[in-house]
C-alpha atoms as a PDB file:
ATOM      1  CA  MET A   1       5.956  93.016  70.890  1.00  0.00           C
ATOM      2  CA  ASP A   2       3.335  91.263  73.010  1.00  0.00           C
ATOM      3  CA  GLY A   3       6.005  89.292  74.862  1.00  0.00           C
ATOM      4  CA  ALA A   4       8.501  92.125  75.123  1.00  0.00           C
ATOM      5  CA  MET A   5       6.354  94.998  76.413  1.00  0.00           C
ATOM      6  CA  GLY A   6       3.122  93.126  77.070  1.00  0.00           C
ATOM      7  CA  LEU A   7       3.888  92.580  80.771  1.00  0.00           C
ATOM      8  CA  ILE A   8       3.666  96.304  81.412  1.00  0.00           C
ATOM      9  CA  GLU A   9      -0.116  96.037  81.088  1.00  0.00           C
ATOM     10  CA  LYS A  10      -0.207  94.161  84.396  1.00  0.00           C
ATOM     11  CA  LEU A  11       0.700  97.494  85.982  1.00  0.00           C
ATOM     12  CA  PRO A  12      -2.359  99.609  86.862  1.00  0.00           C
ATOM     13  CA  VAL A  13      -2.670 102.587  84.507  1.00  0.00           C
ATOM     14  CA  PRO A  14      -2.201 105.238  87.244  1.00  0.00           C
ATOM     15  CA  GLN A  15       1.131 103.646  88.304  1.00  0.00           C
ATOM     16  CA  CYS A  16       2.543 103.422  84.775  1.00  0.00           C
ATOM     17  CA  PRO A  17       4.053 106.937  84.484  1.00  0.00           C
ATOM     18  CA  GLN A  18       5.779 106.606  87.861  1.00  0.00           C
ATOM     19  CA  PHE A  19       7.259 103.240  86.824  1.00  0.00           C
ATOM     20  CA  LEU A  20       8.397 104.571  83.439  1.00  0.00           C
ATOM     21  CA  HIS A  21      10.041 107.617  84.996  1.00  0.00           C
ATOM     22  CA  LYS A  22      11.859 105.363  87.476  1.00  0.00           C
ATOM     23  CA  VAL A  23      13.123 103.212  84.575  1.00  0.00           C
ATOM     24  CA  ILE A  24      14.335 106.399  82.858  1.00  0.00           C
ATOM     25  CA  ASP A  25      15.999 107.454  86.130  1.00  0.00           C
ATOM     26  CA  GLY A  26      17.851 104.123  86.064  1.00  0.00           C
ATOM     27  CA  ILE A  27      18.987 104.734  82.476  1.00  0.00           C
ATOM     28  CA  CYS A  28      20.218 108.182  83.561  1.00  0.00           C
ATOM     29  CA  GLY A  29      22.296 106.748  86.398  1.00  0.00           C
ATOM     30  CA  ARG A  30      19.907 107.374  89.270  1.00  0.00           C
ATOM     31  CA  ALA A  31      17.814 104.949  91.325  1.00  0.00           C
ATOM     32  CA  GLN A  32      15.787 102.581  89.175  1.00  0.00           C
ATOM     33  CA  PRO A  33      12.490 100.996  90.250  1.00  0.00           C
ATOM     34  CA  ARG A  34      12.752  98.355  92.973  1.00  0.00           C
ATOM     35  CA  PHE A  35      11.176  94.923  92.893  1.00  0.00           C
ATOM     36  CA  GLN A  36       9.831  95.360  96.416  1.00  0.00           C
ATOM     37  CA  ASP A  37       7.647  98.234  95.160  1.00  0.00           C
ATOM     38  CA  TYR A  38       6.185  96.107  92.352  1.00  0.00           C
ATOM     39  CA  GLY A  39       6.372  92.572  93.756  1.00  0.00           C
ATOM     40  CA  ASN A  40       2.594  92.477  94.154  1.00  0.00           C
ATOM     41  CA  ILE A  41       2.198  93.041  90.384  1.00  0.00           C
ATOM     42  CA  TRP A  42       4.943  90.884  88.840  1.00  0.00           C
ATOM     43  CA  ASN A  43       6.787  87.796  90.056  1.00  0.00           C
ATOM     44  CA  LEU A  44      10.589  87.980  90.033  1.00  0.00           C
ATOM     45  CA  ARG A  45      10.973  86.476  86.556  1.00  0.00           C
ATOM     46  CA  GLU A  46       8.359  88.849  85.115  1.00  0.00           C
ATOM     47  CA  TRP A  47       9.930  91.779  86.979  1.00  0.00           C
ATOM     48  CA  LEU A  48      13.349  91.149  85.472  1.00  0.00           C
ATOM     49  CA  GLU A  49      11.788  90.766  82.025  1.00  0.00           C
ATOM     50  CA  VAL A  50       9.610  93.891  82.183  1.00  0.00           C
ATOM     51  CA  LEU A  51      12.495  95.976  83.551  1.00  0.00           C
ATOM     52  CA  GLU A  52      14.918  94.737  80.884  1.00  0.00           C
ATOM     53  CA  ASN A  53      12.419  95.100  78.021  1.00  0.00           C
ATOM     54  CA  THR A  54      11.233  98.550  79.086  1.00  0.00           C
ATOM     55  CA  THR A  55      14.803  99.791  79.461  1.00  0.00           C
ATOM     56  CA  ALA A  56      15.795  98.332  76.095  1.00  0.00           C
ATOM     57  CA  PHE A  57      12.734  99.819  74.385  1.00  0.00           C
ATOM     58  CA  ILE A  58      13.378 103.304  75.791  1.00  0.00           C
ATOM     59  CA  GLU A  59      17.083 103.217  74.908  1.00  0.00           C
ATOM     60  CA  THR A  60      16.345 101.964  71.389  1.00  0.00           C
ATOM     61  CA  ALA A  61      13.544 104.473  70.807  1.00  0.00           C
ATOM     62  CA  VAL A  62      15.747 107.387  71.837  1.00  0.00           C
ATOM     63  CA  GLY A  63      18.921 105.999  70.228  1.00  0.00           C
ATOM     64  CA  LYS A  64      17.243 105.442  66.876  1.00  0.00           C
ATOM     65  CA  ASN A  65      15.004 108.514  67.290  1.00  0.00           C
ATOM     66  CA  VAL A  66      11.832 106.543  66.550  1.00  0.00           C
ATOM     67  CA  PHE A  67       8.689 108.087  67.950  1.00  0.00           C
ATOM     68  CA  SER A  68       6.319 107.978  65.044  1.00  0.00           C
ATOM     69  CA  ASP A  69       5.343 104.958  63.002  1.00  0.00           C
ATOM     70  CA  GLU A  70       8.151 102.649  64.154  1.00  0.00           C
ATOM     71  CA  SER A  71       7.531 103.107  67.877  1.00  0.00           C
ATOM     72  CA  SER A  72       3.781 102.737  67.479  1.00  0.00           C
ATOM     73  CA  ASN A  73       4.403  99.562  65.469  1.00  0.00           C
ATOM     74  CA  GLU A  74       6.553  98.173  68.270  1.00  0.00           C
ATOM     75  CA  LEU A  75       3.928  99.101  70.861  1.00  0.00           C
ATOM     76  CA  GLY A  76       1.067  98.009  68.585  1.00  0.00           C
ATOM     77  CA  GLY A  77       0.021  95.099  70.796  1.00  0.00           C
ATOM     78  CA  LEU A  78      -0.423  97.337  73.836  1.00  0.00           C
ATOM     79  CA  ASN A  79      -3.534  99.109  75.033  1.00  0.00           C
ATOM     80  CA  PRO A  80      -3.566 102.664  73.538  1.00  0.00           C
ATOM     81  CA  GLU A  81      -3.459 104.193  77.049  1.00  0.00           C
ATOM     82  CA  TYR A  82      -0.140 102.456  77.731  1.00  0.00           C
ATOM     83  CA  GLN A  83       1.199 103.369  74.291  1.00  0.00           C
ATOM     84  CA  GLU A  84       0.400 107.029  74.903  1.00  0.00           C
ATOM     85  CA  MET A  85       1.955 107.019  78.398  1.00  0.00           C
ATOM     86  CA  ILE A  86       5.144 105.358  77.184  1.00  0.00           C
ATOM     87  CA  THR A  87       5.481 107.811  74.297  1.00  0.00           C
ATOM     88  CA  LYS A  88       4.783 110.845  76.516  1.00  0.00           C
ATOM     89  CA  CYS A  89       7.291 109.773  79.174  1.00  0.00           C
ATOM     90  CA  ILE A  90      10.023 109.152  76.608  1.00  0.00           C
ATOM     91  CA  LYS A  91       9.389 112.412  74.752  1.00  0.00           C
ATOM     92  CA  SER A  92       9.317 114.449  77.970  1.00  0.00           C
ATOM     93  CA  ARG A  93      12.761 113.190  79.003  1.00  0.00           C
ATOM     94  CA  LYS A  94      14.344 112.568  75.603  1.00  0.00           C
ATOM     95  CA  PRO A  95      17.237 115.067  76.003  1.00  0.00           C
ATOM     96  CA  GLU A  96      18.147 113.604  79.392  1.00  0.00           C
ATOM     97  CA  ILE A  97      18.004 110.024  78.062  1.00  0.00           C
ATOM     98  CA  LYS A  98      20.036 110.983  74.990  1.00  0.00           C
ATOM     99  CA  ASP A  99      22.740 112.563  77.173  1.00  0.00           C
ATOM    100  CA  ALA A 100      22.867 109.436  79.340  1.00  0.00           C
ATOM    101  CA  LEU A 101      23.210 107.214  76.264  1.00  0.00           C
ATOM    102  CA  VAL A 102      26.031 109.361  74.881  1.00  0.00           C
ATOM    103  CA  GLU A 103      27.795 109.176  78.253  1.00  0.00           C
ATOM    104  CA  LYS A 104      27.278 105.416  78.274  1.00  0.00           C
ATOM    105  CA  VAL A 105      28.834 105.068  74.816  1.00  0.00           C
ATOM    106  CA  CYS A 106      31.698 107.345  75.840  1.00  0.00           C
ATOM    107  CA  ALA A 107      32.275 105.338  79.031  1.00  0.00           C
ATOM    108  CA  MET A 108      32.380 102.099  77.040  1.00  0.00           C
ATOM    109  CA  SER A 109      35.219 103.441  74.910  1.00  0.00           C
ATOM    110  CA  SER A 110      38.611 103.846  76.520  1.00  0.00           C
ATOM    111  CA  ALA A 111      38.871 107.593  75.878  1.00  0.00           C
ATOM    112  CA  CYS A 112      36.731 110.547  74.802  1.00  0.00           C
ATOM    113  CA  LEU A 113      37.635 113.853  73.214  1.00  0.00           C
ATOM    114  CA  GLN A 114      37.190 116.742  75.633  1.00  0.00           C
ATOM    115  CA  ASP A 115      38.451 119.740  73.623  1.00  0.00           C
ATOM    116  CA  PHE A 116      40.577 120.549  70.575  1.00  0.00           C
ATOM    117  CA  ASP A 117      42.608 123.348  69.018  1.00  0.00           C
ATOM    118  CA  TRP A 118      44.318 123.538  65.624  1.00  0.00           C
ATOM    119  CA  GLN A 119      46.997 125.541  63.840  1.00  0.00           C
ATOM    120  CA  LEU A 120      48.185 125.605  60.250  1.00  0.00           C
ATOM    121  CA  LYS A 121      51.858 126.076  59.388  1.00  0.00           C
ATOM    122  CA  LEU A 122      54.244 125.385  56.536  1.00  0.00           C
ATOM    123  CA  ALA A 123      57.033 122.827  56.836  1.00  0.00           C
ATOM    124  CA  MET A 124      60.429 124.408  56.190  1.00  0.00           C
ATOM    125  CA  SER A 125      63.189 122.203  57.464  1.00  0.00           C
ATOM    126  CA  SER A 126      65.840 122.783  54.789  1.00  0.00           C
ATOM    127  CA  ASP A 127      66.421 125.146  51.910  1.00  0.00           C
ATOM    128  CA  LYS A 128      65.388 122.478  49.376  1.00  0.00           C
ATOM    129  CA  LEU A 129      62.226 121.487  51.268  1.00  0.00           C
ATOM    130  CA  SER A 130      61.243 125.099  51.882  1.00  0.00           C
ATOM    131  CA  THR A 131      60.377 125.440  48.211  1.00  0.00           C
ATOM    132  CA  LEU A 132      57.861 122.590  48.534  1.00  0.00           C
ATOM    133  CA  GLN A 133      55.779 124.570  51.034  1.00  0.00           C
ATOM    134  CA  MET A 134      53.970 121.464  52.267  1.00  0.00           C
ATOM    135  CA  PRO A 135      51.085 122.534  54.535  1.00  0.00           C
ATOM    136  CA  LEU A 136      50.837 120.782  57.882  1.00  0.00           C
ATOM    137  CA  VAL A 137      48.206 120.968  60.581  1.00  0.00           C
ATOM    138  CA  ASN A 138      49.035 120.795  64.269  1.00  0.00           C
ATOM    139  CA  LEU A 139      46.044 119.442  66.159  1.00  0.00           C
ATOM    140  CA  ASP A 140      46.062 119.643  69.955  1.00  0.00           C
ATOM    141  CA  LEU A 141      43.510 117.377  71.657  1.00  0.00           C
ATOM    142  CA  ASP A 142      42.504 117.092  75.298  1.00  0.00           C
ATOM    143  CA  ILE A 143      41.591 113.437  75.842  1.00  0.00           C
ATOM    144  CA  VAL A 144      39.681 112.313  78.929  1.00  0.00           C
ATOM    145  CA  GLU A 145      40.829 108.857  79.919  1.00  0.00           C
ATOM    146  CA  ASN A 146      39.748 107.274  83.211  1.00  0.00           C
ATOM    147  CA  GLY A 147      38.722 110.699  84.515  1.00  0.00           C
ATOM    148  CA  ALA A 148      42.098 112.348  83.781  1.00  0.00           C
ATOM    149  CA  ILE A 149      42.649 114.855  80.993  1.00  0.00           C
ATOM    150  CA  SER A 150      45.782 114.294  78.948  1.00  0.00           C
ATOM    151  CA  PRO A 151      46.893 116.541  76.072  1.00  0.00           C
ATOM    152  CA  VAL A 152      47.800 114.946  72.736  1.00  0.00           C
ATOM    153  CA  SER A 153      49.484 116.864  69.907  1.00  0.00           C
ATOM    154  CA  ILE A 154      49.288 115.555  66.332  1.00  0.00           C
ATOM    155  CA  GLU A 155      50.964 116.921  63.198  1.00  0.00           C
ATOM    156  CA  MET A 156      49.257 115.933  59.937  1.00  0.00           C
ATOM    157  CA  ASN A 157      49.720 116.519  56.239  1.00  0.00           C
ATOM    158  CA  LYS A 158      46.792 117.182  53.877  1.00  0.00           C
ATOM    159  CA  GLU A 159      46.056 113.477  53.264  1.00  0.00           C
ATOM    160  CA  GLU A 160      46.120 112.577  56.973  1.00  0.00           C
ATOM    161  CA  LEU A 161      43.888 115.557  57.734  1.00  0.00           C
ATOM    162  CA  GLN A 162      41.361 114.401  55.124  1.00  0.00           C
ATOM    163  CA  ASN A 163      41.327 110.893  56.669  1.00  0.00           C
ATOM    164  CA  LEU A 164      40.705 112.444  60.105  1.00  0.00           C
ATOM    165  CA  ILE A 165      37.888 114.607  58.747  1.00  0.00           C
ATOM    166  CA  ASN A 166      36.261 111.553  57.122  1.00  0.00           C
ATOM    167  CA  SER A 167      36.501 109.630  60.405  1.00  0.00           C
ATOM    168  CA  LEU A 168      35.031 112.533  62.387  1.00  0.00           C
ATOM    169  CA  GLU A 169      32.172 112.893  59.896  1.00  0.00           C
ATOM    170  CA  ALA A 170      31.368 109.184  60.296  1.00  0.00           C
ATOM    171  CA  ALA A 171      31.463 109.534  64.089  1.00  0.00           C
ATOM    172  CA  ASN A 172      29.219 112.599  63.863  1.00  0.00           C
ATOM    173  CA  LYS A 173      26.629 110.589  61.916  1.00  0.00           C
ATOM    174  CA  VAL A 174      26.550 108.030  64.728  1.00  0.00           C
ATOM    175  CA  VAL A 175      26.141 110.764  67.361  1.00  0.00           C
ATOM    176  CA  LEU A 176      23.350 112.404  65.346  1.00  0.00           C
ATOM    177  CA  GLN A 177      21.505 109.064  65.281  1.00  0.00           C
ATOM    178  CA  LEU A 178      21.536 109.133  69.085  1.00  0.00           C
ATOM    179  CA  LYS A 179      19.844 112.537  69.112  1.00  0.00           C
END
C-alpha cells in the first residue's frame, strides 16, 4: 500500500479532508480536485497517481464494503491521522458513493430495469389444452435504454420463471455487495 496510497502523505494534514471530499465529488459526477490546486504538493506524475489510487481505493472500499480490518490493512503503511481521515470521509459519504457506483454500473450496461408488474393466468387455448391448466406469468418491464423508457412484456412458464428468479437473486447479491 505504500506506493498506492503513500503519496497522500505529502498533502498537509489540514488539507486532506478537503482533497478526499473533492475526490468523492468526482466519483459522484461532480467536479473533482484540480491539479492547479495541488501542483505545489505533487508533480504531474504523482498527481495522476494519487488521484487514480485514491479514487480506486474509495470505490473498492465502498464496493466491497470494507471498513474494518481489510481497509486498515490496506492503509496500514499510512500515518494513523491519514488513515482516520480517509475512513471518516468514506463513511460520511458512503450512501452517496454507493449510489454513484450503482449508477456507474447501470450506465456501463446497455439497459437497466426501471419498474415491473406481473400477472398470473392460466393458458387455455383449446379444449384439450384447457385441461392441462399450465400456469403462465406475464411480466411487464419498463426498461431504461439510452435515457428512454421502453415497455417489454414477457410471458413465462414455471421453469422460465424459476430461471428468471435465480438470475435476479444472483444480480441482487452483486448489488448487495455494493452496499
